[in-house]
Amino acid sequence: MTTQQRAHMLARYRIKVKAHLDDTWSNWFEGMVISSNGAETILTGSVADQAALHGLLIRIRDLNLTLLAVERLAPEPENNQ
């Protein structure tokens, strides 16, 4: 894979917080998929770049949520069709 091809791929992240958030928060978290299992919530989705990731983390901080984990997942190709 060339450097140019890598530049056109979005990074996917899984972010776990200690809180119960329902899917109505998805728009506030840039369209991340939200799943909750009691006292923990997992946000999963594509992030454009490091600045966007930091923006999500700032929102988590602003809500005073406890951050449990941030995991980078396999990248997913950007759809330009």
N, C-alpha and C. Protein backbone atom coordinates (compact mmCIF):
# COMPACT_ATOMS: atom_id res chain seq x y z
N MET A 1 0.85 -1.18 0.00
CA MET A 1 0.00 0.00 0.00
C MET A 1 0.89 1.24 0.00
N THR A 2 0.60 2.17 -0.86
CA THR A 2 1.40 3.39 -0.96
C THR A 2 1.01 4.38 0.13
N THR A 3 1.86 5.36 0.30
CA THR A 3 1.57 6.42 1.28
C THR A 3 0.30 7.17 0.91
N GLN A 4 0.11 7.41 -0.38
CA GLN A 4 -1.09 8.11 -0.84
C GLN A 4 -2.35 7.31 -0.53
N GLN A 5 -2.30 5.99 -0.71
CA GLN A 5 -3.47 5.16 -0.40
C GLN A 5 -3.76 5.20 1.10
N ARG A 6 -2.74 5.16 1.93
CA ARG A 6 -2.95 5.23 3.38
C ARG A 6 -3.56 6.55 3.80
N ALA A 7 -3.22 7.62 3.12
CA ALA A 7 -3.74 8.95 3.46
C ALA A 7 -5.24 9.04 3.23
N HIS A 8 -5.78 8.20 2.35
CA HIS A 8 -7.21 8.25 2.04
C HIS A 8 -8.03 7.24 2.84
N MET A 9 -7.44 6.70 3.88
CA MET A 9 -8.16 5.73 4.71
C MET A 9 -8.48 6.37 6.06
N LEU A 10 -9.67 6.12 6.53
CA LEU A 10 -10.08 6.63 7.83
C LEU A 10 -9.63 5.66 8.91
N ALA A 11 -9.24 6.19 10.04
CA ALA A 11 -8.90 5.35 11.19
C ALA A 11 -10.18 5.04 11.96
N ARG A 12 -10.30 3.81 12.41
CA ARG A 12 -11.46 3.42 13.22
C ARG A 12 -11.00 3.27 14.67
N TYR A 13 -11.86 3.74 15.58
CA TYR A 13 -11.53 3.68 16.99
C TYR A 13 -12.69 3.08 17.79
N ARG A 14 -12.32 2.47 18.90
CA ARG A 14 -13.28 2.01 19.91
C ARG A 14 -12.89 2.72 21.19
N ILE A 15 -13.83 3.52 21.72
CA ILE A 15 -13.58 4.30 22.93
C ILE A 15 -14.56 3.82 24.00
N LYS A 16 -14.03 3.45 25.15
CA LYS A 16 -14.88 2.95 26.23
C LYS A 16 -14.88 3.95 27.39
N VAL A 17 -16.07 4.28 27.87
CA VAL A 17 -16.22 5.20 28.99
C VAL A 17 -17.07 4.55 30.08
N LYS A 18 -16.87 5.01 31.29
CA LYS A 18 -17.65 4.52 32.43
C LYS A 18 -18.85 5.43 32.60
N ALA A 19 -19.93 5.06 31.92
CA ALA A 19 -21.18 5.83 31.96
C ALA A 19 -22.18 5.11 31.08
N HIS A 20 -23.44 5.40 31.30
CA HIS A 20 -24.48 4.85 30.42
C HIS A 20 -24.95 5.96 29.50
N LEU A 21 -24.62 5.83 28.21
CA LEU A 21 -25.10 6.76 27.19
C LEU A 21 -25.95 5.98 26.21
N ASP A 22 -27.08 6.54 25.81
CA ASP A 22 -27.88 5.86 24.80
C ASP A 22 -27.53 6.39 23.42
N ASP A 23 -28.13 5.81 22.39
CA ASP A 23 -27.77 6.16 21.02
C ASP A 23 -28.18 7.58 20.60
N THR A 24 -28.94 8.27 21.44
CA THR A 24 -29.29 9.65 21.11
C THR A 24 -28.06 10.57 21.17
N TRP A 25 -26.98 10.12 21.78
CA TRP A 25 -25.73 10.88 21.86
C TRP A 25 -24.89 10.74 20.59
N SER A 26 -25.29 9.90 19.65
CA SER A 26 -24.49 9.60 18.47
C SER A 26 -24.12 10.86 17.68
N ASN A 27 -25.06 11.76 17.44
CA ASN A 27 -24.76 12.99 16.69
C ASN A 27 -23.74 13.85 17.42
N TRP A 28 -23.83 13.90 18.72
CA TRP A 28 -22.90 14.72 19.52
C TRP A 28 -21.49 14.15 19.44
N PHE A 29 -21.40 12.84 19.25
CA PHE A 29 -20.10 12.18 19.12
C PHE A 29 -19.79 11.85 17.66
N GLU A 30 -20.11 12.77 16.77
CA GLU A 30 -19.74 12.69 15.35
C GLU A 30 -20.20 11.41 14.66
N GLY A 31 -21.38 10.91 15.02
CA GLY A 31 -21.95 9.75 14.35
C GLY A 31 -21.38 8.42 14.78
N MET A 32 -20.64 8.40 15.87
CA MET A 32 -20.10 7.13 16.37
C MET A 32 -21.26 6.21 16.75
N VAL A 33 -21.06 4.91 16.57
CA VAL A 33 -22.04 3.91 17.00
C VAL A 33 -21.89 3.76 18.50
N ILE A 34 -23.00 3.84 19.22
CA ILE A 34 -22.97 3.79 20.68
C ILE A 34 -23.64 2.52 21.15
N SER A 35 -22.91 1.76 21.96
CA SER A 35 -23.50 0.57 22.59
C SER A 35 -23.18 0.62 24.07
N SER A 36 -24.17 0.26 24.88
CA SER A 36 -24.02 0.35 26.32
C SER A 36 -24.39 -0.97 26.96
N ASN A 37 -23.61 -1.35 27.95
CA ASN A 37 -23.92 -2.56 28.71
C ASN A 37 -23.91 -2.22 30.20
N GLY A 38 -24.94 -1.56 30.63
CA GLY A 38 -25.03 -1.17 32.03
C GLY A 38 -24.26 0.10 32.31
N ALA A 39 -23.16 -0.03 33.06
CA ALA A 39 -22.41 1.15 33.51
C ALA A 39 -21.32 1.57 32.55
N GLU A 40 -21.13 0.86 31.45
CA GLU A 40 -20.10 1.22 30.48
C GLU A 40 -20.70 1.42 29.10
N THR A 41 -20.10 2.33 28.35
CA THR A 41 -20.54 2.62 26.99
C THR A 41 -19.35 2.52 26.06
N ILE A 42 -19.57 1.97 24.88
CA ILE A 42 -18.52 1.87 23.87
C ILE A 42 -18.95 2.68 22.65
N LEU A 43 -18.07 3.59 22.23
CA LEU A 43 -18.26 4.39 21.03
C LEU A 43 -17.35 3.80 19.96
N THR A 44 -17.90 3.46 18.81
CA THR A 44 -17.10 2.85 17.75
C THR A 44 -17.38 3.58 16.44
N GLY A 45 -16.32 3.89 15.71
CA GLY A 45 -16.53 4.52 14.42
C GLY A 45 -15.26 5.06 13.82
N SER A 46 -15.40 5.62 12.64
CA SER A 46 -14.28 6.18 11.90
C SER A 46 -14.01 7.62 12.33
N VAL A 47 -12.74 7.94 12.35
CA VAL A 47 -12.28 9.27 12.73
C VAL A 47 -11.37 9.78 11.62
N ALA A 48 -11.60 11.00 11.17
CA ALA A 48 -10.87 11.54 10.02
C ALA A 48 -9.37 11.69 10.28
N ASP A 49 -9.01 12.16 11.48
CA ASP A 49 -7.60 12.40 11.78
C ASP A 49 -7.42 12.55 13.28
N GLN A 50 -6.19 12.83 13.69
CA GLN A 50 -5.90 12.96 15.12
C GLN A 50 -6.64 14.14 15.75
N ALA A 51 -6.81 15.21 15.00
CA ALA A 51 -7.55 16.36 15.54
C ALA A 51 -8.99 15.97 15.87
N ALA A 52 -9.61 15.18 15.00
CA ALA A 52 -10.99 14.73 15.24
C ALA A 52 -11.04 13.81 16.45
N LEU A 53 -10.04 12.95 16.60
CA LEU A 53 -9.98 12.07 17.78
C LEU A 53 -9.87 12.89 19.05
N HIS A 54 -9.01 13.88 19.03
CA HIS A 54 -8.86 14.74 20.21
C HIS A 54 -10.15 15.49 20.50
N GLY A 55 -10.88 15.88 19.46
CA GLY A 55 -12.17 16.53 19.66
C GLY A 55 -13.16 15.62 20.39
N LEU A 56 -13.18 14.34 20.01
CA LEU A 56 -14.05 13.38 20.71
C LEU A 56 -13.64 13.24 22.17
N LEU A 57 -12.34 13.15 22.40
CA LEU A 57 -11.84 13.01 23.78
C LEU A 57 -12.14 14.25 24.61
N ILE A 58 -12.12 15.41 24.00
CA ILE A 58 -12.47 16.64 24.71
C ILE A 58 -13.95 16.62 25.09
N ARG A 59 -14.79 16.12 24.21
CA ARG A 59 -16.23 16.02 24.54
C ARG A 59 -16.45 15.07 25.72
N ILE A 60 -15.71 13.98 25.73
CA ILE A 60 -15.80 13.04 26.85
C ILE A 60 -15.36 13.74 28.14
N ARG A 61 -14.29 14.49 28.07
CA ARG A 61 -13.82 15.25 29.23
C ARG A 61 -14.85 16.28 29.68
N ASP A 62 -15.44 16.99 28.72
CA ASP A 62 -16.41 18.03 29.04
C ASP A 62 -17.66 17.47 29.72
N LEU A 63 -18.00 16.22 29.41
CA LEU A 63 -19.14 15.56 30.08
C LEU A 63 -18.74 14.94 31.41
N ASN A 64 -17.46 15.09 31.76
CA ASN A 64 -16.92 14.55 33.01
C ASN A 64 -17.08 13.02 33.08
N LEU A 65 -16.90 12.36 31.93
CA LEU A 65 -16.98 10.91 31.87
C LEU A 65 -15.60 10.32 32.16
N THR A 66 -15.57 9.16 32.77
CA THR A 66 -14.32 8.46 33.02
C THR A 66 -13.94 7.68 31.77
N LEU A 67 -12.79 7.99 31.21
CA LEU A 67 -12.28 7.31 30.03
C LEU A 67 -11.63 6.01 30.47
N LEU A 68 -12.10 4.87 29.94
CA LEU A 68 -11.56 3.57 30.30
C LEU A 68 -10.56 3.04 29.28
N ALA A 69 -10.81 3.29 27.98
CA ALA A 69 -9.91 2.76 26.96
C ALA A 69 -10.13 3.49 25.64
N VAL A 70 -9.04 3.58 24.88
CA VAL A 70 -9.08 4.06 23.50
C VAL A 70 -8.29 3.05 22.69
N GLU A 71 -8.94 2.45 21.71
CA GLU A 71 -8.30 1.40 20.91
C GLU A 71 -8.45 1.73 19.43
N ARG A 72 -7.33 1.72 18.72
CA ARG A 72 -7.38 1.92 17.28
C ARG A 72 -7.64 0.57 16.62
N LEU A 73 -8.65 0.55 15.76
CA LEU A 73 -9.03 -0.66 15.05
C LEU A 73 -8.45 -0.64 13.64
N ALA A 74 -8.63 -1.71 12.91
CA ALA A 74 -8.16 -1.77 11.52
C ALA A 74 -8.82 -0.64 10.73
N PRO A 75 -8.05 0.02 9.86
CA PRO A 75 -8.63 1.12 9.07
C PRO A 75 -9.66 0.62 8.08
N GLU A 76 -10.54 1.52 7.71
CA GLU A 76 -11.56 1.19 6.72
C GLU A 76 -11.42 2.17 5.57
N PRO A 77 -11.44 1.68 4.34
CA PRO A 77 -11.27 2.57 3.19
C PRO A 77 -12.37 3.62 3.11
N GLU A 78 -11.99 4.81 2.70
CA GLU A 78 -12.95 5.90 2.52
C GLU A 78 -13.74 5.64 1.25
N ASN A 79 -15.05 5.77 1.30
CA ASN A 79 -15.91 5.58 0.12
C ASN A 79 -16.02 6.87 -0.65
N ASN A 80 -15.52 6.87 -1.87
CA ASN A 80 -15.60 8.06 -2.73
C ASN A 80 -16.46 7.80 -3.94
N GLN A 81 -17.50 7.02 -3.80
CA GLN A 81 -18.35 6.65 -4.94
C GLN A 81 -19.53 7.57 -5.05
